[in-house]
Amino acid sequence: MPAEIVQTRLTMRLIFATNNAHKITEMQSAIGDAFELITLKQAGIDIDIPEPHDTLEANALEKARTIYNITRKNTFSEDTGLEVEALNGEPGVKSARYAGEGKVFSDNIKKLLNRLQGHSNTKARFRAVLALIWDEKEFLFEGICEGEIIPFPRGNEGFGYDPVFVPAGSGKTFAEMDMDEKNRYSHRTRAAAKLVDFLNQHINHQSQTSATT
């Protein structure tokens, strides 16, 4: 039976509609201790959630709706794309499958660097979109990290395009940073901050309403 989302004195548990262990780790770190993320495995759900749409927003909502329709509980999801200015926003919504359906990021990075050869403009940004279904209403939260693509991978941390992305204001790639340092720049952290702010406001409003009724 899927795990329920319950509020306690210290934490609220939220189902996070993803099978990506890296995203779960990063999102839990970004959200902090106030909210505990429940993985799909912990929720008793074993499905491959489709990502059929041509925008991050639509894919994030697709994933959230899929899990909400199974659990009928408040849930949220995430979709992220790397958008490279010289490539007209590629790979964008196809970031995970840029070099094929196998989602092999070494191949994706190789394709990206090949496509960028001859371009002097290396500006890029990570854009994360969180989709929350709360009390049957849908909400979107966006986080953006500006930066640039470097010609050779560096670092062994993180995942995806992290070895070739240097965020603005740093000389390191995401793959050269530990989690705390990455969180200072991360697109997911920025989107997660908006999500947490919304949830805190909602919880406070509920508490105040309950206290006056």
N, C-alpha and C. Protein backbone atom coordinates (compact mmCIF):
# COMPACT_ATOMS: atom_id res chain seq x y z
N MET A 1 0.86 -1.20 0.00
CA MET A 1 0.00 0.00 0.00
C MET A 1 0.89 1.24 0.00
N PRO A 2 0.60 2.20 -0.87
CA PRO A 2 1.44 3.40 -0.92
C PRO A 2 1.50 4.11 0.41
N ALA A 3 2.69 4.63 0.72
CA ALA A 3 2.85 5.38 1.97
C ALA A 3 2.03 6.64 1.93
N GLU A 4 1.45 7.00 3.04
CA GLU A 4 0.67 8.22 3.13
C GLU A 4 1.57 9.41 3.43
N ILE A 5 1.15 10.57 3.01
CA ILE A 5 1.83 11.81 3.36
C ILE A 5 1.22 12.31 4.66
N VAL A 6 2.02 12.37 5.70
CA VAL A 6 1.49 12.77 7.00
C VAL A 6 2.32 13.89 7.57
N GLN A 7 1.69 14.78 8.26
CA GLN A 7 2.38 15.86 8.95
C GLN A 7 2.57 15.50 10.41
N THR A 8 3.77 15.66 10.93
CA THR A 8 4.05 15.47 12.34
C THR A 8 4.50 16.80 12.90
N ARG A 9 4.85 16.79 14.20
CA ARG A 9 5.33 18.04 14.81
C ARG A 9 6.60 18.52 14.13
N LEU A 10 7.46 17.57 13.68
CA LEU A 10 8.77 17.96 13.18
C LEU A 10 8.89 17.90 11.67
N THR A 11 8.23 16.93 11.04
CA THR A 11 8.44 16.75 9.61
C THR A 11 7.13 16.50 8.89
N MET A 12 7.16 16.80 7.61
CA MET A 12 6.09 16.38 6.72
C MET A 12 6.71 15.45 5.69
N ARG A 13 6.07 14.35 5.42
CA ARG A 13 6.57 13.38 4.46
C ARG A 13 5.88 13.61 3.12
N LEU A 14 6.65 13.69 2.06
CA LEU A 14 6.14 13.96 0.72
C LEU A 14 6.63 12.91 -0.25
N ILE A 15 5.73 12.36 -1.04
CA ILE A 15 6.15 11.47 -2.10
C ILE A 15 6.78 12.29 -3.22
N PHE A 16 7.97 11.89 -3.62
CA PHE A 16 8.70 12.54 -4.70
C PHE A 16 8.63 11.62 -5.91
N ALA A 17 7.96 12.07 -6.96
CA ALA A 17 7.66 11.24 -8.12
C ALA A 17 8.87 11.12 -9.06
N THR A 18 9.87 10.36 -8.62
CA THR A 18 11.04 10.11 -9.46
C THR A 18 11.64 8.77 -9.09
N ASN A 19 12.31 8.15 -10.07
CA ASN A 19 13.08 6.94 -9.83
C ASN A 19 14.58 7.23 -9.80
N ASN A 20 14.95 8.51 -9.93
CA ASN A 20 16.35 8.91 -10.02
C ASN A 20 16.93 9.11 -8.62
N ALA A 21 17.81 8.19 -8.21
CA ALA A 21 18.37 8.25 -6.86
C ALA A 21 19.19 9.52 -6.64
N HIS A 22 19.88 10.01 -7.68
CA HIS A 22 20.67 11.23 -7.56
C HIS A 22 19.76 12.42 -7.25
N LYS A 23 18.62 12.49 -7.95
CA LYS A 23 17.70 13.60 -7.72
C LYS A 23 17.11 13.54 -6.31
N ILE A 24 16.83 12.34 -5.83
CA ILE A 24 16.29 12.20 -4.49
C ILE A 24 17.29 12.74 -3.46
N THR A 25 18.56 12.35 -3.62
CA THR A 25 19.60 12.81 -2.69
C THR A 25 19.73 14.33 -2.73
N GLU A 26 19.78 14.90 -3.94
CA GLU A 26 19.95 16.34 -4.07
C GLU A 26 18.73 17.09 -3.54
N MET A 27 17.54 16.57 -3.83
CA MET A 27 16.34 17.28 -3.39
C MET A 27 16.18 17.23 -1.88
N GLN A 28 16.49 16.07 -1.27
CA GLN A 28 16.41 16.00 0.19
C GLN A 28 17.40 16.97 0.83
N SER A 29 18.60 17.05 0.25
CA SER A 29 19.59 17.99 0.77
C SER A 29 19.12 19.42 0.60
N ALA A 30 18.50 19.73 -0.53
CA ALA A 30 18.03 21.09 -0.79
C ALA A 30 16.87 21.47 0.12
N ILE A 31 15.97 20.54 0.38
CA ILE A 31 14.80 20.83 1.20
C ILE A 31 15.15 20.90 2.68
N GLY A 32 16.11 20.09 3.10
CA GLY A 32 16.52 20.11 4.50
C GLY A 32 15.68 19.18 5.36
N ASP A 33 15.67 19.44 6.66
CA ASP A 33 15.07 18.51 7.62
C ASP A 33 13.58 18.72 7.84
N ALA A 34 13.04 19.81 7.35
CA ALA A 34 11.64 20.10 7.63
C ALA A 34 10.69 19.14 6.92
N PHE A 35 11.14 18.59 5.78
CA PHE A 35 10.30 17.70 5.00
C PHE A 35 11.11 16.45 4.63
N GLU A 36 10.49 15.29 4.81
CA GLU A 36 11.14 14.03 4.46
C GLU A 36 10.56 13.52 3.15
N LEU A 37 11.43 13.23 2.19
CA LEU A 37 10.97 12.73 0.90
C LEU A 37 10.76 11.22 0.95
N ILE A 38 9.66 10.78 0.39
CA ILE A 38 9.35 9.36 0.26
C ILE A 38 9.58 8.97 -1.19
N THR A 39 10.46 8.01 -1.41
CA THR A 39 10.73 7.56 -2.78
C THR A 39 9.57 6.73 -3.29
N LEU A 40 9.54 6.54 -4.59
CA LEU A 40 8.50 5.68 -5.16
C LEU A 40 8.61 4.26 -4.62
N LYS A 41 9.84 3.78 -4.44
CA LYS A 41 10.04 2.44 -3.89
C LYS A 41 9.47 2.36 -2.49
N GLN A 42 9.74 3.37 -1.67
CA GLN A 42 9.20 3.39 -0.30
C GLN A 42 7.68 3.49 -0.31
N ALA A 43 7.14 4.14 -1.34
CA ALA A 43 5.68 4.29 -1.45
C ALA A 43 5.02 3.07 -2.07
N GLY A 44 5.81 2.05 -2.41
CA GLY A 44 5.26 0.83 -2.98
C GLY A 44 4.87 0.96 -4.43
N ILE A 45 5.54 1.87 -5.17
CA ILE A 45 5.21 2.12 -6.57
C ILE A 45 6.40 1.75 -7.44
N ASP A 46 6.17 0.88 -8.41
CA ASP A 46 7.23 0.42 -9.30
C ASP A 46 6.79 0.58 -10.74
N ILE A 47 6.91 1.80 -11.24
CA ILE A 47 6.54 2.09 -12.63
C ILE A 47 7.56 3.03 -13.24
N ASP A 48 7.64 3.02 -14.55
CA ASP A 48 8.46 3.97 -15.29
C ASP A 48 7.55 5.11 -15.73
N ILE A 49 7.72 6.28 -15.16
CA ILE A 49 6.81 7.39 -15.44
C ILE A 49 7.14 8.01 -16.79
N PRO A 50 6.17 8.20 -17.66
CA PRO A 50 6.44 8.75 -18.99
C PRO A 50 6.83 10.22 -18.94
N GLU A 51 7.63 10.63 -19.94
CA GLU A 51 8.00 12.03 -20.14
C GLU A 51 7.79 12.37 -21.62
N PRO A 52 6.54 12.41 -22.06
CA PRO A 52 6.26 12.50 -23.50
C PRO A 52 6.18 13.91 -24.07
N HIS A 53 6.29 14.93 -23.24
CA HIS A 53 5.95 16.27 -23.68
C HIS A 53 7.18 17.07 -24.11
N ASP A 54 6.94 18.24 -24.69
CA ASP A 54 8.04 19.05 -25.24
C ASP A 54 8.38 20.25 -24.37
N THR A 55 7.89 20.27 -23.12
CA THR A 55 8.30 21.30 -22.17
C THR A 55 8.57 20.64 -20.82
N LEU A 56 9.45 21.26 -20.03
CA LEU A 56 9.74 20.76 -18.70
C LEU A 56 8.49 20.81 -17.82
N GLU A 57 7.73 21.88 -17.97
CA GLU A 57 6.52 22.05 -17.16
C GLU A 57 5.54 20.90 -17.39
N ALA A 58 5.31 20.56 -18.66
CA ALA A 58 4.35 19.51 -18.97
C ALA A 58 4.83 18.15 -18.49
N ASN A 59 6.12 17.88 -18.63
CA ASN A 59 6.65 16.61 -18.16
C ASN A 59 6.59 16.49 -16.64
N ALA A 60 6.92 17.58 -15.94
CA ALA A 60 6.84 17.56 -14.48
C ALA A 60 5.40 17.31 -14.03
N LEU A 61 4.45 17.97 -14.66
CA LEU A 61 3.05 17.75 -14.30
C LEU A 61 2.60 16.34 -14.64
N GLU A 62 3.08 15.79 -15.75
CA GLU A 62 2.74 14.41 -16.12
C GLU A 62 3.16 13.44 -15.02
N LYS A 63 4.37 13.62 -14.51
CA LYS A 63 4.88 12.72 -13.48
C LYS A 63 4.10 12.89 -12.18
N ALA A 64 3.84 14.13 -11.79
CA ALA A 64 3.09 14.37 -10.56
C ALA A 64 1.67 13.80 -10.66
N ARG A 65 1.04 14.01 -11.81
CA ARG A 65 -0.32 13.51 -11.99
C ARG A 65 -0.36 11.99 -11.97
N THR A 66 0.65 11.36 -12.57
CA THR A 66 0.69 9.89 -12.60
C THR A 66 0.70 9.32 -11.20
N ILE A 67 1.57 9.87 -10.33
CA ILE A 67 1.66 9.35 -8.97
C ILE A 67 0.46 9.77 -8.12
N TYR A 68 -0.03 10.99 -8.34
CA TYR A 68 -1.22 11.43 -7.61
C TYR A 68 -2.42 10.54 -7.93
N ASN A 69 -2.57 10.15 -9.19
CA ASN A 69 -3.70 9.31 -9.58
C ASN A 69 -3.62 7.92 -8.96
N ILE A 70 -2.41 7.48 -8.63
CA ILE A 70 -2.25 6.19 -7.96
C ILE A 70 -2.52 6.31 -6.47
N THR A 71 -1.97 7.36 -5.86
CA THR A 71 -2.02 7.48 -4.39
C THR A 71 -3.17 8.33 -3.89
N ARG A 72 -3.63 9.27 -4.71
CA ARG A 72 -4.61 10.28 -4.29
C ARG A 72 -4.10 11.08 -3.11
N LYS A 73 -2.78 11.23 -3.04
CA LYS A 73 -2.14 11.99 -1.97
C LYS A 73 -1.35 13.14 -2.59
N ASN A 74 -1.12 14.18 -1.79
CA ASN A 74 -0.27 15.28 -2.25
C ASN A 74 1.09 14.74 -2.67
N THR A 75 1.58 15.19 -3.81
CA THR A 75 2.86 14.69 -4.32
C THR A 75 3.51 15.76 -5.18
N PHE A 76 4.80 15.58 -5.43
CA PHE A 76 5.46 16.52 -6.33
C PHE A 76 6.48 15.78 -7.18
N SER A 77 6.86 16.43 -8.28
CA SER A 77 7.82 15.85 -9.21
C SER A 77 8.74 16.95 -9.71
N GLU A 78 9.72 16.53 -10.52
CA GLU A 78 10.71 17.49 -11.01
C GLU A 78 11.14 17.11 -12.42
N ASP A 79 11.37 18.11 -13.25
CA ASP A 79 12.01 17.88 -14.54
C ASP A 79 13.02 18.99 -14.77
N THR A 80 14.19 18.61 -15.25
CA THR A 80 15.30 19.56 -15.42
C THR A 80 15.86 19.45 -16.83
N GLY A 81 16.25 20.59 -17.37
CA GLY A 81 16.90 20.60 -18.68
C GLY A 81 18.11 21.52 -18.66
N LEU A 82 19.12 21.12 -19.42
CA LEU A 82 20.27 21.99 -19.68
C LEU A 82 19.99 22.74 -20.98
N GLU A 83 20.03 24.06 -20.92
CA GLU A 83 19.72 24.89 -22.09
C GLU A 83 20.97 25.67 -22.50
N VAL A 84 21.50 25.34 -23.68
CA VAL A 84 22.74 25.94 -24.17
C VAL A 84 22.39 27.02 -25.19
N GLU A 85 22.87 28.23 -24.94
CA GLU A 85 22.47 29.39 -25.74
C GLU A 85 22.84 29.23 -27.21
N ALA A 86 24.07 28.80 -27.50
CA ALA A 86 24.53 28.68 -28.89
C ALA A 86 23.81 27.59 -29.66
N LEU A 87 23.17 26.68 -28.96
CA LEU A 87 22.44 25.57 -29.60
C LEU A 87 20.93 25.78 -29.55
N ASN A 88 20.53 27.04 -29.40
CA ASN A 88 19.10 27.39 -29.38
C ASN A 88 18.32 26.63 -28.30
N GLY A 89 18.98 26.47 -27.15
CA GLY A 89 18.30 25.85 -26.03
C GLY A 89 18.45 24.34 -25.92
N GLU A 90 19.18 23.73 -26.86
CA GLU A 90 19.43 22.29 -26.72
C GLU A 90 20.35 22.05 -25.53
N PRO A 91 20.28 20.85 -24.96
CA PRO A 91 19.34 19.75 -25.23
C PRO A 91 17.97 19.95 -24.59
N GLY A 92 17.85 20.87 -23.66
CA GLY A 92 16.54 21.23 -23.11
C GLY A 92 15.77 20.06 -22.54
N VAL A 93 14.52 19.94 -22.98
CA VAL A 93 13.65 18.91 -22.44
C VAL A 93 14.14 17.51 -22.77
N LYS A 94 15.03 17.40 -23.75
CA LYS A 94 15.57 16.09 -24.14
C LYS A 94 16.93 15.82 -23.50
N SER A 95 17.25 16.53 -22.43
CA SER A 95 18.58 16.43 -21.83
C SER A 95 18.97 14.99 -21.48
N ALA A 96 18.07 14.25 -20.87
CA ALA A 96 18.40 12.89 -20.44
C ALA A 96 18.55 11.94 -21.62
N ARG A 97 17.89 12.23 -22.72
CA ARG A 97 17.89 11.34 -23.88
C ARG A 97 18.56 11.99 -25.10
N TYR A 98 19.45 12.91 -24.86
CA TYR A 98 20.05 13.70 -25.94
C TYR A 98 20.75 12.80 -26.97
N ALA A 99 21.45 11.78 -26.51
CA ALA A 99 22.18 10.90 -27.41
C ALA A 99 21.46 9.56 -27.62
N GLY A 100 20.22 9.45 -27.15
CA GLY A 100 19.47 8.21 -27.33
C GLY A 100 18.64 7.85 -26.13
N GLU A 101 17.77 6.87 -26.30
CA GLU A 101 16.84 6.47 -25.24
C GLU A 101 17.53 5.78 -24.07
N GLY A 102 18.79 5.41 -24.22
CA GLY A 102 19.48 4.73 -23.15
C GLY A 102 19.85 5.60 -21.98
N LYS A 103 19.73 6.92 -22.12
CA LYS A 103 20.04 7.88 -21.05
C LYS A 103 21.47 7.71 -20.53
N VAL A 104 22.43 7.53 -21.45
CA VAL A 104 23.83 7.39 -21.06
C VAL A 104 24.47 8.77 -21.10
N PHE A 105 24.79 9.32 -19.92
CA PHE A 105 25.21 10.71 -19.88
C PHE A 105 26.61 10.94 -20.42
N SER A 106 27.46 9.93 -20.42
CA SER A 106 28.75 10.10 -21.08
C SER A 106 28.55 10.32 -22.58
N ASP A 107 27.57 9.63 -23.15
CA ASP A 107 27.24 9.84 -24.56
C ASP A 107 26.58 11.20 -24.78
N ASN A 108 25.72 11.60 -23.84
CA ASN A 108 25.07 12.91 -23.95
C ASN A 108 26.11 14.03 -23.91
N ILE A 109 27.09 13.92 -23.00
CA ILE A 109 28.13 14.94 -22.90
C ILE A 109 28.97 14.98 -24.17
N LYS A 110 29.31 13.81 -24.68
CA LYS A 110 30.10 13.75 -25.90
C LYS A 110 29.37 14.43 -27.06
N LYS A 111 28.08 14.16 -27.18
CA LYS A 111 27.30 14.80 -28.25
C LYS A 111 27.25 16.31 -28.05
N LEU A 112 27.04 16.75 -26.80
CA LEU A 112 26.96 18.18 -26.51
C LEU A 112 28.25 18.88 -26.89
N LEU A 113 29.39 18.32 -26.49
CA LEU A 113 30.67 18.95 -26.79
C LEU A 113 30.96 18.96 -28.28
N ASN A 114 30.55 17.91 -28.97
CA ASN A 114 30.72 17.88 -30.43
C ASN A 114 29.87 18.96 -31.09
N ARG A 115 28.64 19.15 -30.61
CA ARG A 115 27.75 20.15 -31.18
C ARG A 115 28.26 21.57 -30.92
N LEU A 116 29.01 21.74 -29.84
CA LEU A 116 29.51 23.06 -29.47
C LEU A 116 30.84 23.42 -30.14
N GLN A 117 31.45 22.47 -30.81
CA GLN A 117 32.73 22.76 -31.47
C GLN A 117 32.55 23.88 -32.49
N GLY A 118 33.44 24.85 -32.45
CA GLY A 118 33.36 25.99 -33.36
C GLY A 118 32.55 27.15 -32.84
N HIS A 119 31.90 26.97 -31.69
CA HIS A 119 31.11 28.05 -31.09
C HIS A 119 31.94 28.73 -30.00
N SER A 120 32.03 30.04 -30.07
CA SER A 120 32.73 30.77 -29.01
C SER A 120 31.82 31.05 -27.82
N ASN A 121 30.52 31.04 -28.04
CA ASN A 121 29.54 31.28 -26.99
C ASN A 121 29.28 29.96 -26.25
N THR A 122 29.69 29.89 -25.00
CA THR A 122 29.49 28.66 -24.22
C THR A 122 28.49 28.86 -23.08
N LYS A 123 27.73 29.95 -23.13
CA LYS A 123 26.75 30.20 -22.07
C LYS A 123 25.68 29.12 -22.05
N ALA A 124 25.29 28.74 -20.83
CA ALA A 124 24.26 27.72 -20.66
C ALA A 124 23.57 27.95 -19.32
N ARG A 125 22.47 27.28 -19.14
CA ARG A 125 21.80 27.33 -17.85
C ARG A 125 21.09 26.01 -17.59
N PHE A 126 21.05 25.62 -16.34
CA PHE A 126 20.18 24.54 -15.89
C PHE A 126 18.87 25.16 -15.45
N ARG A 127 17.76 24.56 -15.87
CA ARG A 127 16.44 25.03 -15.44
C ARG A 127 15.67 23.84 -14.87
N ALA A 128 15.25 23.97 -13.63
CA ALA A 128 14.46 22.93 -12.97
C ALA A 128 13.04 23.41 -12.76
N VAL A 129 12.09 22.54 -13.00
CA VAL A 129 10.68 22.84 -12.75
C VAL A 129 10.13 21.77 -11.81
N LEU A 130 9.59 22.21 -10.68
CA LEU A 130 8.90 21.31 -9.75
C LEU A 130 7.40 21.47 -9.94
N ALA A 131 6.71 20.35 -10.00
CA ALA A 131 5.25 20.36 -10.10
C ALA A 131 4.67 19.73 -8.84
N LEU A 132 3.83 20.47 -8.15
CA LEU A 132 3.21 20.01 -6.90
C LEU A 132 1.71 19.89 -7.10
N ILE A 133 1.16 18.77 -6.67
CA ILE A 133 -0.30 18.63 -6.58
C ILE A 133 -0.65 18.60 -5.10
N TRP A 134 -1.35 19.65 -4.68
CA TRP A 134 -1.65 19.83 -3.26
C TRP A 134 -3.13 20.17 -3.12
N ASP A 135 -3.84 19.37 -2.35
CA ASP A 135 -5.29 19.56 -2.19
C ASP A 135 -5.98 19.64 -3.55
N GLU A 136 -5.54 18.78 -4.46
CA GLU A 136 -6.10 18.64 -5.81
C GLU A 136 -5.82 19.84 -6.71
N LYS A 137 -4.99 20.76 -6.26
CA LYS A 137 -4.58 21.90 -7.09
C LYS A 137 -3.14 21.71 -7.55
N GLU A 138 -2.82 22.29 -8.70
CA GLU A 138 -1.49 22.12 -9.28
C GLU A 138 -0.69 23.42 -9.20
N PHE A 139 0.58 23.30 -8.83
CA PHE A 139 1.46 24.45 -8.69
C PHE A 139 2.81 24.13 -9.34
N LEU A 140 3.44 25.14 -9.92
CA LEU A 140 4.75 25.00 -10.54
C LEU A 140 5.75 25.95 -9.88
N PHE A 141 6.98 25.47 -9.71
CA PHE A 141 8.05 26.26 -9.12
C PHE A 141 9.30 26.08 -9.99
N GLU A 142 9.95 27.18 -10.34
CA GLU A 142 11.09 27.14 -11.25
C GLU A 142 12.37 27.59 -10.55
N GLY A 143 13.47 26.93 -10.87
CA GLY A 143 14.78 27.33 -10.40
C GLY A 143 15.77 27.33 -11.55
N ILE A 144 16.60 28.38 -11.65
CA ILE A 144 17.54 28.53 -12.77
C ILE A 144 18.94 28.76 -12.23
N CYS A 145 19.91 28.11 -12.84
CA CYS A 145 21.32 28.35 -12.54
C CYS A 145 22.04 28.67 -13.84
N GLU A 146 22.53 29.90 -13.96
CA GLU A 146 23.29 30.32 -15.14
C GLU A 146 24.73 29.84 -15.03
N GLY A 147 25.36 29.62 -16.17
CA GLY A 147 26.75 29.18 -16.17
C GLY A 147 27.29 29.03 -17.58
N GLU A 148 28.27 28.14 -17.72
CA GLU A 148 28.85 27.90 -19.03
C GLU A 148 29.31 26.46 -19.16
N ILE A 149 29.48 26.03 -20.39
CA ILE A 149 29.97 24.69 -20.69
C ILE A 149 31.47 24.76 -20.96
N ILE A 150 32.22 23.85 -20.34
CA ILE A 150 33.66 23.79 -20.58
C ILE A 150 33.96 22.66 -21.57
N PRO A 151 35.12 22.70 -22.25
CA PRO A 151 35.37 21.75 -23.35
C PRO A 151 35.72 20.34 -22.92
N PHE A 152 36.10 20.14 -21.65
CA PHE A 152 36.47 18.81 -21.19
C PHE A 152 35.85 18.56 -19.81
N PRO A 153 35.36 17.34 -19.56
CA PRO A 153 34.77 17.03 -18.25
C PRO A 153 35.78 17.13 -17.12
N ARG A 154 35.29 17.61 -15.95
CA ARG A 154 36.12 17.68 -14.75
C ARG A 154 35.28 17.27 -13.55
N GLY A 155 35.83 16.42 -12.69
CA GLY A 155 35.18 16.05 -11.45
C GLY A 155 34.44 14.73 -11.52
N ASN A 156 34.18 14.18 -10.34
CA ASN A 156 33.57 12.85 -10.24
C ASN A 156 32.29 12.83 -9.41
N GLU A 157 31.84 13.98 -8.95
CA GLU A 157 30.62 14.05 -8.15
C GLU A 157 29.41 14.32 -9.06
N GLY A 158 28.23 14.35 -8.44
CA GLY A 158 27.03 14.70 -9.18
C GLY A 158 26.66 13.67 -10.22
N PHE A 159 25.96 14.12 -11.26
CA PHE A 159 25.52 13.23 -12.33
C PHE A 159 25.15 14.07 -13.54
N GLY A 160 24.78 13.42 -14.61
CA GLY A 160 24.35 14.13 -15.81
C GLY A 160 25.45 14.97 -16.42
N TYR A 161 25.12 16.22 -16.72
CA TYR A 161 26.06 17.15 -17.36
C TYR A 161 26.95 17.88 -16.35
N ASP A 162 26.89 17.50 -15.09
CA ASP A 162 27.66 18.19 -14.04
C ASP A 162 29.15 18.34 -14.36
N PRO A 163 29.82 17.34 -14.99
CA PRO A 163 31.26 17.47 -15.23
C PRO A 163 31.65 18.56 -16.23
N VAL A 164 30.69 19.07 -17.02
CA VAL A 164 31.04 20.09 -18.02
C VAL A 164 30.33 21.42 -17.77
N PHE A 165 29.64 21.55 -16.63
CA PHE A 165 28.91 22.79 -16.34
C PHE A 165 29.55 23.51 -15.16
N VAL A 166 29.95 24.76 -15.40
CA VAL A 166 30.50 25.62 -14.36
C VAL A 166 29.48 26.72 -14.07
N PRO A 167 28.90 26.77 -12.86
CA PRO A 167 27.93 27.80 -12.55
C PRO A 167 28.57 29.17 -12.45
N ALA A 168 27.83 30.20 -12.81
CA ALA A 168 28.34 31.57 -12.71
C ALA A 168 28.74 31.88 -11.28
N GLY A 169 29.93 32.48 -11.14
CA GLY A 169 30.43 32.82 -9.82
C GLY A 169 31.34 31.78 -9.22
N SER A 170 31.57 30.68 -9.93
CA SER A 170 32.45 29.62 -9.44
C SER A 170 33.43 29.23 -10.53
N GLY A 171 34.57 28.70 -10.13
CA GLY A 171 35.54 28.17 -11.08
C GLY A 171 35.49 26.67 -11.17
N LYS A 172 34.57 26.05 -10.41
CA LYS A 172 34.44 24.60 -10.39
C LYS A 172 33.24 24.14 -11.20
N THR A 173 33.33 22.93 -11.73
CA THR A 173 32.14 22.30 -12.29
C THR A 173 31.29 21.76 -11.13
N PHE A 174 30.03 21.50 -11.42
CA PHE A 174 29.18 20.87 -10.40
C PHE A 174 29.77 19.55 -9.93
N ALA A 175 30.45 18.84 -10.84
CA ALA A 175 31.02 17.53 -10.50
C ALA A 175 32.26 17.64 -9.61
N GLU A 176 32.78 18.85 -9.43
CA GLU A 176 33.92 19.07 -8.53
C GLU A 176 33.48 19.57 -7.15
N MET A 177 32.18 19.72 -6.95
CA MET A 177 31.66 20.27 -5.70
C MET A 177 31.06 19.18 -4.83
N ASP A 178 31.17 19.35 -3.50
CA ASP A 178 30.38 18.50 -2.63
C ASP A 178 28.95 19.04 -2.59
N MET A 179 28.06 18.32 -1.91
CA MET A 179 26.65 18.68 -1.96
C MET A 179 26.39 20.07 -1.39
N ASP A 180 27.04 20.41 -0.29
CA ASP A 180 26.80 21.72 0.33
C ASP A 180 27.19 22.85 -0.61
N GLU A 181 28.32 22.69 -1.30
CA GLU A 181 28.76 23.74 -2.21
C GLU A 181 27.85 23.82 -3.41
N LYS A 182 27.45 22.67 -3.96
CA LYS A 182 26.56 22.67 -5.11
C LYS A 182 25.22 23.33 -4.77
N ASN A 183 24.75 23.11 -3.56
CA ASN A 183 23.46 23.68 -3.16
C ASN A 183 23.47 25.21 -3.16
N ARG A 184 24.65 25.82 -3.07
CA ARG A 184 24.71 27.28 -3.09
C ARG A 184 24.39 27.84 -4.48
N TYR A 185 24.50 27.01 -5.49
CA TYR A 185 24.27 27.45 -6.87
C TYR A 185 23.08 26.75 -7.53
N SER A 186 22.71 25.59 -7.04
CA SER A 186 21.88 24.66 -7.77
C SER A 186 20.49 25.18 -8.14
N HIS A 187 20.09 24.87 -9.35
CA HIS A 187 18.75 25.14 -9.85
C HIS A 187 17.71 24.40 -9.03
N ARG A 188 18.02 23.16 -8.62
CA ARG A 188 17.07 22.41 -7.81
C ARG A 188 16.89 23.05 -6.44
N THR A 189 17.98 23.53 -5.86
CA THR A 189 17.88 24.20 -4.57
C THR A 189 16.99 25.43 -4.66
N ARG A 190 17.12 26.17 -5.73
CA ARG A 190 16.32 27.40 -5.90
C ARG A 190 14.85 27.07 -6.11
N ALA A 191 14.57 26.03 -6.87
CA ALA A 191 13.18 25.62 -7.05
C ALA A 191 12.63 25.05 -5.75
N ALA A 192 13.46 24.26 -5.05
CA ALA A 192 13.02 23.65 -3.79
C ALA A 192 12.72 24.70 -2.74
N ALA A 193 13.49 25.80 -2.72
CA ALA A 193 13.24 26.87 -1.75
C ALA A 193 11.85 27.46 -1.95
N LYS A 194 11.43 27.61 -3.20
CA LYS A 194 10.10 28.13 -3.49
C LYS A 194 9.02 27.13 -3.05
N LEU A 195 9.29 25.85 -3.28
CA LEU A 195 8.35 24.81 -2.85
C LEU A 195 8.20 24.81 -1.33
N VAL A 196 9.32 24.84 -0.62
CA VAL A 196 9.28 24.83 0.84
C VAL A 196 8.58 26.06 1.38
N ASP A 197 8.84 27.21 0.79
CA ASP A 197 8.18 28.45 1.22
C ASP A 197 6.67 28.33 1.05
N PHE A 198 6.24 27.78 -0.09
CA PHE A 198 4.80 27.58 -0.32
C PHE A 198 4.20 26.65 0.72
N LEU A 199 4.87 25.51 0.98
CA LEU A 199 4.34 24.54 1.93
C LEU A 199 4.28 25.12 3.34
N ASN A 200 5.32 25.85 3.73
CA ASN A 200 5.32 26.45 5.06
C ASN A 200 4.18 27.46 5.21
N GLN A 201 3.97 28.26 4.18
CA GLN A 201 2.87 29.22 4.23
C GLN A 201 1.53 28.50 4.32
N HIS A 202 1.40 27.41 3.55
CA HIS A 202 0.15 26.66 3.54
C HIS A 202 -0.10 26.02 4.90
N ILE A 203 0.94 25.42 5.49
CA ILE A 203 0.81 24.78 6.80
C ILE A 203 0.46 25.80 7.87
N ASN A 204 1.13 26.95 7.83
CA ASN A 204 0.84 28.00 8.80
C ASN A 204 -0.60 28.49 8.68
N HIS A 205 -1.05 28.63 7.42
CA HIS A 205 -2.43 29.08 7.19
C HIS A 205 -3.41 28.05 7.73
N GLN A 206 -3.13 26.76 7.48
CA GLN A 206 -4.01 25.71 8.00
C GLN A 206 -4.06 25.73 9.53
N SER A 207 -2.89 25.92 10.15
CA SER A 207 -2.81 25.94 11.61
C SER A 207 -3.60 27.11 12.18
N GLN A 208 -3.47 28.28 11.55
CA GLN A 208 -4.19 29.45 12.02
C GLN A 208 -5.71 29.28 11.85
N THR A 209 -6.10 28.66 10.71
CA THR A 209 -7.51 28.45 10.46
C THR A 209 -8.10 27.48 11.48
N SER A 210 -7.31 26.38 11.76
CA SER A 210 -7.78 25.39 12.73
C SER A 210 -7.91 26.00 14.12
N ALA A 211 -6.99 26.91 14.45
CA ALA A 211 -7.00 27.50 15.79
C ALA A 211 -8.18 28.42 16.01
N THR A 212 -8.75 28.94 14.93
CA THR A 212 -9.87 29.89 15.05
C THR A 212 -11.21 29.26 14.80
N THR A 213 -11.22 27.94 14.54
CA THR A 213 -12.51 27.28 14.28
C THR A 213 -12.81 26.27 15.36
